[in-house]
Amino acid sequence: MTRIPHDTSGEPNPLKAFSLDQLRRRTSMKWRTYPEDVLPVWVAEMDVAPPGPVVRAVTEAMESGDTGYPAGTAYAEALAAFADKRWGWSGLAVERTAIVPDVMLGVVEMLRLVTGPGDPVVINPPVYPPFYDFTRHAERRVVEARLGTDGRLDLDVLERAFREATTGGGRAAYLLCSPHNPTGTVHTAEELTAVAALAERYGVRVVADEIHAPLVFGGTRFVPYLSVPGGERGLSLMSASKAWNLAGLKAALAVAGPAAGDDLARMPEVVGHGPSHVGILAHTAALRDATGWLDALLDGLDANRRLLTALLAEQLPAVRYRPGDATYLAWLDCRNLGLGDDPAEAFLRHGRVALTGGPPFGAGGAGHARLNLATSPEVLTEAVRRMAAAVRAAGGARA
């Protein structure tokens, strides 16, 4: 499986399309949760101009009144073509897919297919906080298998968690975040093959959240879990939501490996009523016709990673930051700043800049904060300036 590198699209950087004043007119969660004097670089929304093909698809739907219930397989066909071209993976079978409202609701439905109430679900903290919330809401029990100090999967720790989860019989699942949020780690083919072997050995079913898959940088290769040897019994959730900033246009796809098609077929038909038809049209247009926009975005995000590295070295050298190979999220180790378990709280109180606090990410989250890189260089620069000012102010307050 050969990854096809992204092209130099020639499209403008979508992160530079809007001024801060224009962004503040938005009414979404990112821009309305905090007072106007707070600079938001927290939740996973991007400050981008939308892709032209997506705008046209949604506009045409509105103009023609095409606002009914979803139907057909166009979304799955577009994702299969994207996966083939982008990741060199031709194994995404349209007949083994199903539309779901979004990735996390899809995760819940997949966990319901392969586990029962009270059964354990293994996760790798520090990890996206809804992994805890949705798993518990589905009446499953969380078992933690913490990442290694390098931010990668620790296979020994994972095996111990699988052993614990399956002791006494019963069913268990592993909720894999790939690429990983918040670290930006991209799991290798070797790592995922080892995961599949462990899952087979212990009878653990793997459910992979692969929502950040299109957001991989440079020469790094994204490997779909279902493509590795032993991944045939896996289930994956994919969406165009993160990569094209379509969170407000709900849609995602559940994808089954060759040996999991019967499991997916048991999903209640009513689950497919949840996605937005207009959302599916938008996601399909993104995957089919907005890859040039995606390439321009990736170039802009890569530049922002380098900018953040330089800004932190200059203004907050005590913060440790290892740029991930995927996502637009920066995981900042702020433990040397002396701001306690939740440095984001100090950044907000003393600097009026909103990051996502680390403790809800589970084990390894204390003393960390997550910053959203998907903004203009000007906003990113101002965010770090405010963070540095907050550290000075907090130090003065403690003194």
Protein backbone atom coordinates (compact mmCIF):
# COMPACT_ATOMS: atom_id res chain seq x y z
CA MET A 1 0.00 0.00 0.00
CA THR A 2 1.64 3.20 -1.19
CA ARG A 3 0.60 6.59 0.07
CA ILE A 4 0.07 9.20 -2.64
CA PRO A 5 1.69 12.46 -1.46
CA HIS A 6 -0.52 15.51 -1.52
CA ASP A 7 -0.07 17.91 -4.41
CA THR A 8 0.90 21.55 -4.45
CA SER A 9 -2.59 22.75 -5.26
CA GLY A 10 -1.97 26.40 -6.04
CA GLU A 11 -5.01 27.28 -3.96
CA PRO A 12 -4.74 30.05 -1.36
CA ASN A 13 -4.17 29.18 2.27
CA PRO A 14 -7.73 28.83 3.67
CA LEU A 15 -6.43 29.76 7.14
CA LYS A 16 -5.73 33.31 5.98
CA ALA A 17 -9.17 34.09 4.56
CA PHE A 18 -10.78 35.85 7.52
CA SER A 19 -9.77 38.59 9.93
CA LEU A 20 -10.34 38.23 13.65
CA ASP A 21 -13.27 40.66 13.42
CA GLN A 22 -14.87 38.50 10.74
CA LEU A 23 -14.33 35.35 12.77
CA ARG A 24 -16.01 36.88 15.80
CA ARG A 25 -19.25 37.15 13.79
CA ARG A 26 -19.52 33.37 13.75
CA THR A 27 -22.16 31.83 15.99
CA SER A 28 -20.66 28.36 16.56
CA MET A 29 -19.37 26.91 19.82
CA LYS A 30 -15.79 28.06 19.32
CA TRP A 31 -16.74 31.71 19.03
CA ARG A 32 -19.73 31.93 21.38
CA THR A 33 -18.69 29.93 24.45
CA TYR A 34 -16.46 32.66 25.90
CA PRO A 35 -16.83 36.45 26.19
CA GLU A 36 -15.64 38.51 23.24
CA ASP A 37 -12.40 39.55 24.95
CA VAL A 38 -11.27 35.89 25.04
CA LEU A 39 -9.25 34.57 22.10
CA PRO A 40 -10.50 31.01 21.40
CA VAL A 41 -7.97 28.39 20.29
CA TRP A 42 -9.63 25.40 21.90
CA VAL A 43 -12.39 23.25 20.37
CA ALA A 44 -11.75 21.50 17.03
CA GLU A 45 -13.25 24.05 14.67
CA MET A 46 -11.07 25.61 11.99
CA ASP A 47 -10.91 29.30 11.12
CA VAL A 48 -11.05 28.64 7.39
CA ALA A 49 -12.78 29.72 4.23
CA PRO A 50 -14.98 26.80 3.15
CA PRO A 51 -14.07 24.80 0.05
CA GLY A 52 -15.76 26.06 -3.10
CA PRO A 53 -17.13 22.63 -4.10
CA VAL A 54 -18.78 22.26 -0.70
CA VAL A 55 -20.35 25.70 -0.89
CA ARG A 56 -21.72 24.89 -4.34
CA ALA A 57 -23.12 21.52 -3.24
CA VAL A 58 -24.93 23.04 -0.26
CA THR A 59 -26.14 26.06 -2.24
CA GLU A 60 -27.54 23.87 -5.02
CA ALA A 61 -29.34 21.73 -2.44
CA MET A 62 -30.92 24.84 -0.90
CA GLU A 63 -31.90 26.32 -4.25
CA SER A 64 -33.48 23.09 -5.45
CA GLY A 65 -35.10 22.19 -2.15
CA ASP A 66 -33.05 19.00 -1.89
CA THR A 67 -33.35 18.94 1.89
CA GLY A 68 -35.01 15.59 2.58
CA TYR A 69 -33.76 12.33 4.03
CA PRO A 70 -30.41 10.78 3.06
CA ALA A 71 -30.22 8.00 0.49
CA GLY A 72 -27.72 6.17 -1.66
CA THR A 73 -24.02 5.32 -1.43
CA ALA A 74 -22.40 8.40 -2.97
CA TYR A 75 -20.63 9.29 0.30
CA ALA A 76 -19.14 5.82 0.66
CA GLU A 77 -18.09 5.77 -3.00
CA ALA A 78 -16.35 9.13 -2.61
CA LEU A 79 -14.55 7.96 0.53
CA ALA A 80 -13.46 4.73 -1.17
CA ALA A 81 -12.02 6.68 -4.10
CA PHE A 82 -10.26 9.10 -1.73
CA ALA A 83 -8.81 6.22 0.31
CA ASP A 84 -7.52 4.53 -2.83
CA LYS A 85 -5.83 7.64 -4.16
CA ARG A 86 -4.66 9.18 -0.90
CA TRP A 87 -3.66 6.15 1.14
CA GLY A 88 -3.26 3.51 -1.55
CA TRP A 89 -6.02 1.47 0.12
CA SER A 90 -8.45 -0.22 -2.24
CA GLY A 91 -10.08 -2.34 0.45
CA LEU A 92 -12.89 0.02 1.46
CA ALA A 93 -15.93 -1.92 0.22
CA VAL A 94 -19.00 0.26 -0.25
CA GLU A 95 -21.28 -2.66 0.58
CA ARG A 96 -19.67 -2.87 4.04
CA THR A 97 -20.44 0.72 5.01
CA ALA A 98 -23.33 2.48 6.71
CA ILE A 99 -24.05 6.14 7.28
CA VAL A 100 -24.16 7.29 10.90
CA PRO A 101 -24.90 10.71 12.42
CA ASP A 102 -21.28 11.47 13.35
CA VAL A 103 -18.16 9.63 14.41
CA MET A 104 -18.79 9.47 18.15
CA LEU A 105 -22.42 8.42 17.81
CA GLY A 106 -21.16 5.87 15.32
CA VAL A 107 -18.63 4.66 17.88
CA VAL A 108 -21.43 4.08 20.35
CA GLU A 109 -23.40 2.06 17.80
CA MET A 110 -20.33 -0.05 16.95
CA LEU A 111 -19.64 -0.70 20.64
CA ARG A 112 -23.24 -1.82 21.03
CA LEU A 113 -22.75 -4.31 18.20
CA VAL A 114 -19.69 -6.00 19.71
CA THR A 115 -20.13 -5.57 23.49
CA GLY A 116 -22.90 -5.52 26.06
CA PRO A 117 -23.77 -3.27 29.02
CA GLY A 118 -21.02 -3.34 31.62
CA ASP A 119 -18.43 -4.77 29.23
CA PRO A 120 -14.95 -3.18 29.17
CA VAL A 121 -13.66 -0.82 26.50
CA VAL A 122 -9.91 -0.17 26.36
CA ILE A 123 -8.68 3.34 25.48
CA ASN A 124 -5.25 5.02 25.30
CA PRO A 125 -5.02 8.14 27.46
CA PRO A 126 -4.31 10.92 27.21
CA VAL A 127 -7.12 10.78 24.67
CA TYR A 128 -10.08 12.76 23.32
CA PRO A 129 -12.35 13.24 26.37
CA PRO A 130 -15.58 12.04 24.68
CA PHE A 131 -13.99 8.57 24.56
CA TYR A 132 -14.69 8.46 28.28
CA ASP A 133 -18.05 10.21 28.13
CA PHE A 134 -19.63 8.27 25.27
CA THR A 135 -18.30 4.92 26.49
CA ARG A 136 -19.80 5.45 29.92
CA HIS A 137 -23.02 6.83 28.46
CA ALA A 138 -23.29 3.56 26.51
CA GLU A 139 -23.04 1.74 29.88
CA ARG A 140 -19.61 0.29 29.13
CA ARG A 141 -16.64 0.28 31.48
CA VAL A 142 -13.42 2.15 30.62
CA VAL A 143 -10.06 0.36 30.93
CA GLU A 144 -7.04 2.61 30.44
CA ALA A 145 -3.88 1.62 28.56
CA ARG A 146 -1.74 4.72 28.79
CA LEU A 147 0.44 5.82 25.88
CA GLY A 148 4.20 5.61 26.26
CA THR A 149 6.24 8.66 27.22
CA ASP A 150 6.98 9.12 23.51
CA GLY A 151 3.26 9.49 22.79
CA ARG A 152 3.10 6.15 20.98
CA LEU A 153 1.22 2.95 21.73
CA ASP A 154 2.87 0.89 24.44
CA LEU A 155 2.12 -2.66 23.32
CA ASP A 156 3.07 -4.20 26.67
CA VAL A 157 0.67 -1.90 28.48
CA LEU A 158 -1.98 -2.58 25.87
CA GLU A 159 -1.59 -6.33 26.29
CA ARG A 160 -2.01 -6.03 30.05
CA ALA A 161 -5.18 -4.01 29.49
CA PHE A 162 -6.52 -6.61 27.05
CA ARG A 163 -5.75 -9.34 29.58
CA GLU A 164 -7.53 -7.42 32.33
CA ALA A 165 -10.50 -6.67 30.08
CA THR A 166 -11.01 -10.29 29.11
CA THR A 167 -10.36 -11.95 32.47
CA GLY A 168 -13.39 -13.98 33.41
CA GLY A 169 -14.72 -14.19 29.86
CA GLY A 170 -17.24 -11.85 28.34
CA ARG A 171 -16.79 -9.41 25.50
CA ALA A 172 -14.34 -6.53 25.27
CA ALA A 173 -13.57 -3.80 22.75
CA TYR A 174 -10.63 -1.52 22.04
CA LEU A 175 -11.46 2.04 20.99
CA LEU A 176 -8.46 3.08 18.91
CA CYS A 177 -7.83 6.75 18.13
CA SER A 178 -5.99 6.84 14.80
CA PRO A 179 -4.41 9.33 14.21
CA HIS A 180 -4.30 10.05 17.91
CA ASN A 181 -5.99 13.07 19.46
CA PRO A 182 -4.43 15.03 21.20
CA THR A 183 -0.84 13.94 20.47
CA GLY A 184 -1.06 13.85 16.67
CA THR A 185 0.66 10.46 16.65
CA VAL A 186 0.20 8.44 13.45
CA HIS A 187 0.34 4.73 14.19
CA THR A 188 2.60 2.72 11.89
CA ALA A 189 1.66 -0.38 9.93
CA GLU A 190 3.87 -2.43 12.26
CA GLU A 191 2.15 -1.03 15.38
CA LEU A 192 -1.33 -1.63 13.99
CA THR A 193 -0.44 -5.14 12.87
CA ALA A 194 0.76 -5.86 16.41
CA VAL A 195 -2.51 -4.42 17.78
CA ALA A 196 -4.50 -6.70 15.48
CA ALA A 197 -2.50 -9.71 16.64
CA LEU A 198 -3.13 -8.85 20.30
CA ALA A 199 -6.83 -8.28 19.61
CA GLU A 200 -7.09 -11.68 17.95
CA ARG A 201 -5.18 -13.38 20.77
CA TYR A 202 -7.45 -11.99 23.47
CA GLY A 203 -10.70 -11.85 21.51
CA VAL A 204 -10.96 -8.06 21.70
CA ARG A 205 -12.91 -6.25 18.98
CA VAL A 206 -11.26 -3.12 17.60
CA VAL A 207 -13.31 0.00 16.82
CA ALA A 208 -11.14 2.67 15.19
CA ASP A 209 -11.94 6.40 15.23
CA GLU A 210 -10.14 7.55 12.08
CA ILE A 211 -11.72 10.99 11.72
CA HIS A 212 -8.36 12.78 11.48
CA ALA A 213 -7.03 10.46 8.75
CA PRO A 214 -6.94 13.08 5.94
CA LEU A 215 -4.92 15.46 8.16
CA VAL A 216 -1.49 13.80 7.94
CA PHE A 217 1.61 15.81 7.11
CA GLY A 218 4.57 15.47 4.78
CA GLY A 219 5.96 12.02 4.16
CA THR A 220 4.08 10.41 7.04
CA ARG A 221 1.83 7.58 5.94
CA PHE A 222 -1.64 7.05 7.33
CA VAL A 223 -2.48 3.36 7.59
CA PRO A 224 -6.19 2.41 7.88
CA TYR A 225 -6.64 -0.14 10.63
CA LEU A 226 -8.80 -2.33 8.39
CA SER A 227 -5.94 -2.59 5.88
CA VAL A 228 -3.44 -4.35 8.16
CA PRO A 229 -3.08 -8.13 8.48
CA GLY A 230 -5.48 -9.27 11.18
CA GLY A 231 -7.65 -6.16 10.92
CA GLU A 232 -10.43 -7.99 9.08
CA ARG A 233 -12.68 -8.13 12.16
CA GLY A 234 -12.30 -4.43 12.85
CA LEU A 235 -14.81 -1.61 12.54
CA SER A 236 -13.87 1.94 11.57
CA LEU A 237 -15.54 5.33 11.75
CA MET A 238 -14.54 7.91 9.14
CA SER A 239 -15.79 11.34 8.15
CA ALA A 240 -14.88 14.44 6.17
CA SER A 241 -15.91 16.50 9.19
CA LYS A 242 -12.53 17.40 10.70
CA ALA A 243 -10.46 17.81 7.55
CA TRP A 244 -12.93 20.08 5.75
CA ASN A 245 -14.45 21.82 8.82
CA LEU A 246 -17.93 20.33 8.44
CA ALA A 247 -18.88 19.67 12.07
CA GLY A 248 -22.11 21.63 11.58
CA LEU A 249 -23.09 19.41 8.64
CA LYS A 250 -23.52 16.08 10.40
CA ALA A 251 -22.50 12.89 8.62
CA ALA A 252 -20.05 10.00 8.99
CA LEU A 253 -19.51 6.47 7.77
CA ALA A 254 -19.12 3.20 9.63
CA VAL A 255 -16.84 0.84 7.71
CA ALA A 256 -16.54 -2.88 8.42
CA GLY A 257 -13.61 -5.15 7.70
CA PRO A 258 -14.20 -8.26 5.57
CA ALA A 259 -14.96 -10.38 8.64
CA ALA A 260 -17.16 -7.77 10.34
CA GLY A 261 -19.78 -7.19 7.66
CA ASP A 262 -22.33 -9.31 9.50
CA ASP A 263 -21.82 -7.21 12.63
CA LEU A 264 -22.45 -3.98 10.76
CA ALA A 265 -25.53 -5.49 9.11
CA ARG A 266 -27.06 -5.84 12.60
CA MET A 267 -27.01 -2.09 13.19
CA PRO A 268 -30.60 -0.82 13.47
CA GLU A 269 -31.84 0.77 10.28
CA VAL A 270 -33.04 3.84 12.18
CA VAL A 271 -29.44 4.86 12.94
CA GLY A 272 -29.13 5.85 9.29
CA HIS A 273 -31.89 8.41 9.76
CA GLY A 274 -29.63 10.54 11.94
CA PRO A 275 -27.18 12.02 9.42
CA SER A 276 -28.04 15.20 7.57
CA HIS A 277 -28.76 14.71 3.87
CA VAL A 278 -27.23 18.12 3.16
CA GLY A 279 -24.28 17.09 5.30
CA ILE A 280 -23.78 13.98 3.18
CA LEU A 281 -23.86 16.11 0.03
CA ALA A 282 -21.23 18.41 1.56
CA HIS A 283 -18.96 15.58 2.71
CA THR A 284 -19.21 13.88 -0.66
CA ALA A 285 -18.27 17.08 -2.49
CA ALA A 286 -15.31 17.57 -0.14
CA LEU A 287 -13.90 14.10 -0.74
CA ARG A 288 -14.46 14.18 -4.49
CA ASP A 289 -13.73 17.75 -5.48
CA ALA A 290 -11.94 19.62 -2.66
CA THR A 291 -8.64 17.77 -2.32
CA GLY A 292 -6.78 20.80 -3.66
CA TRP A 293 -8.27 22.84 -0.83
CA LEU A 294 -7.16 20.14 1.61
CA ASP A 295 -3.61 20.26 0.28
CA ALA A 296 -3.50 24.05 0.72
CA LEU A 297 -4.81 23.60 4.26
CA LEU A 298 -2.12 21.03 5.07
CA ASP A 299 0.57 23.40 3.86
CA GLY A 300 -0.89 26.17 6.02
CA LEU A 301 -1.11 23.92 9.07
CA ASP A 302 2.46 22.75 8.59
CA ALA A 303 3.60 26.38 8.51
CA ASN A 304 1.64 27.00 11.72
CA ARG A 305 3.34 24.04 13.42
CA ARG A 306 6.70 25.60 12.64
CA LEU A 307 5.48 29.02 13.75
CA LEU A 308 4.21 27.64 17.07
CA THR A 309 7.53 25.91 17.69
CA ALA A 310 9.37 29.20 17.15
CA LEU A 311 6.93 31.25 19.25
CA LEU A 312 7.14 28.87 22.19
CA ALA A 313 10.94 28.76 22.02
CA GLU A 314 11.03 32.54 22.15
CA GLN A 315 8.27 33.33 24.65
CA LEU A 316 7.53 30.14 26.62
CA PRO A 317 10.66 28.00 26.47
CA ALA A 318 9.55 25.97 29.50
CA VAL A 319 6.64 24.54 27.48
CA ARG A 320 7.49 21.25 25.83
CA TYR A 321 5.90 20.70 22.43
CA ARG A 322 6.50 17.79 20.10
CA PRO A 323 4.75 18.54 16.77
CA GLY A 324 2.56 15.61 15.81
CA ASP A 325 2.44 14.11 12.35
CA ALA A 326 -1.31 14.61 12.04
CA THR A 327 -4.31 16.71 13.16
CA TYR A 328 -4.36 20.46 13.73
CA LEU A 329 -4.08 20.07 17.50
CA ALA A 330 -0.97 20.85 19.54
CA TRP A 331 -0.47 18.98 22.83
CA LEU A 332 1.49 21.27 25.14
CA ASP A 333 3.34 20.00 28.21
CA CYS A 334 3.10 22.95 30.59
CA ARG A 335 4.20 21.21 33.78
CA ASN A 336 7.35 23.31 34.09
CA LEU A 337 5.29 26.51 34.21
CA GLY A 338 4.03 25.85 37.73
CA LEU A 339 0.39 26.43 36.76
CA GLY A 340 -0.99 23.27 38.33
CA ASP A 341 -2.93 20.41 36.82
CA ASP A 342 -4.98 22.63 34.49
CA PRO A 343 -2.79 25.31 32.91
CA ALA A 344 -5.61 26.20 30.51
CA GLU A 345 -7.49 27.66 33.45
CA ALA A 346 -4.58 30.03 34.18
CA PHE A 347 -4.23 30.97 30.50
CA LEU A 348 -7.92 31.88 30.44
CA ARG A 349 -8.01 33.73 33.75
CA HIS A 350 -4.81 35.72 33.37
CA GLY A 351 -4.38 35.92 29.57
CA ARG A 352 -7.93 35.78 28.18
CA VAL A 353 -6.98 33.00 25.79
CA ALA A 354 -8.97 29.73 25.74
CA LEU A 355 -7.22 26.38 25.30
CA THR A 356 -8.59 22.94 26.16
CA GLY A 357 -7.48 21.75 29.60
CA GLY A 358 -5.52 18.52 29.90
CA PRO A 359 -7.15 16.70 32.88
CA PRO A 360 -10.27 15.52 30.98
CA PHE A 361 -7.96 13.63 28.58
CA GLY A 362 -7.33 11.13 31.36
CA ALA A 363 -4.06 9.68 32.63
CA GLY A 364 -1.17 11.84 31.46
CA GLY A 365 -3.36 14.89 30.88
CA ALA A 366 -2.58 16.81 34.07
CA GLY A 367 -0.30 19.78 33.48
CA HIS A 368 -1.07 19.80 29.76
CA ALA A 369 -3.23 21.88 27.44
CA ARG A 370 -4.41 21.40 23.87
CA LEU A 371 -4.14 24.26 21.40
CA ASN A 372 -5.95 24.45 18.05
CA LEU A 373 -3.49 25.35 15.28
CA ALA A 374 -6.16 25.78 12.61
CA THR A 375 -6.21 29.54 12.61
CA SER A 376 -4.34 32.41 11.01
CA PRO A 377 -0.68 33.05 11.86
CA GLU A 378 -1.77 36.36 13.36
CA VAL A 379 -4.25 34.72 15.76
CA LEU A 380 -1.72 32.03 16.67
CA THR A 381 0.91 34.66 17.41
CA GLU A 382 -1.50 36.61 19.60
CA ALA A 383 -2.52 33.43 21.41
CA VAL A 384 1.05 32.65 22.44
CA ARG A 385 1.63 36.27 23.44
CA ARG A 386 -1.39 36.05 25.75
CA MET A 387 -0.23 32.72 27.16
CA ALA A 388 3.16 34.21 28.01
CA ALA A 389 1.48 37.23 29.61
CA ALA A 390 -0.72 34.87 31.65
CA VAL A 391 2.32 33.04 32.99
CA ARG A 392 3.86 36.34 34.11
CA ALA A 393 0.58 37.46 35.69
CA ALA A 394 0.02 34.13 37.42
CA GLY A 395 3.54 34.21 38.79
CA GLY A 396 2.90 37.65 40.19
CA ALA A 397 -0.38 36.50 41.71
CA ARG A 398 1.32 33.53 43.42
CA ALA A 399 4.04 35.78 44.75
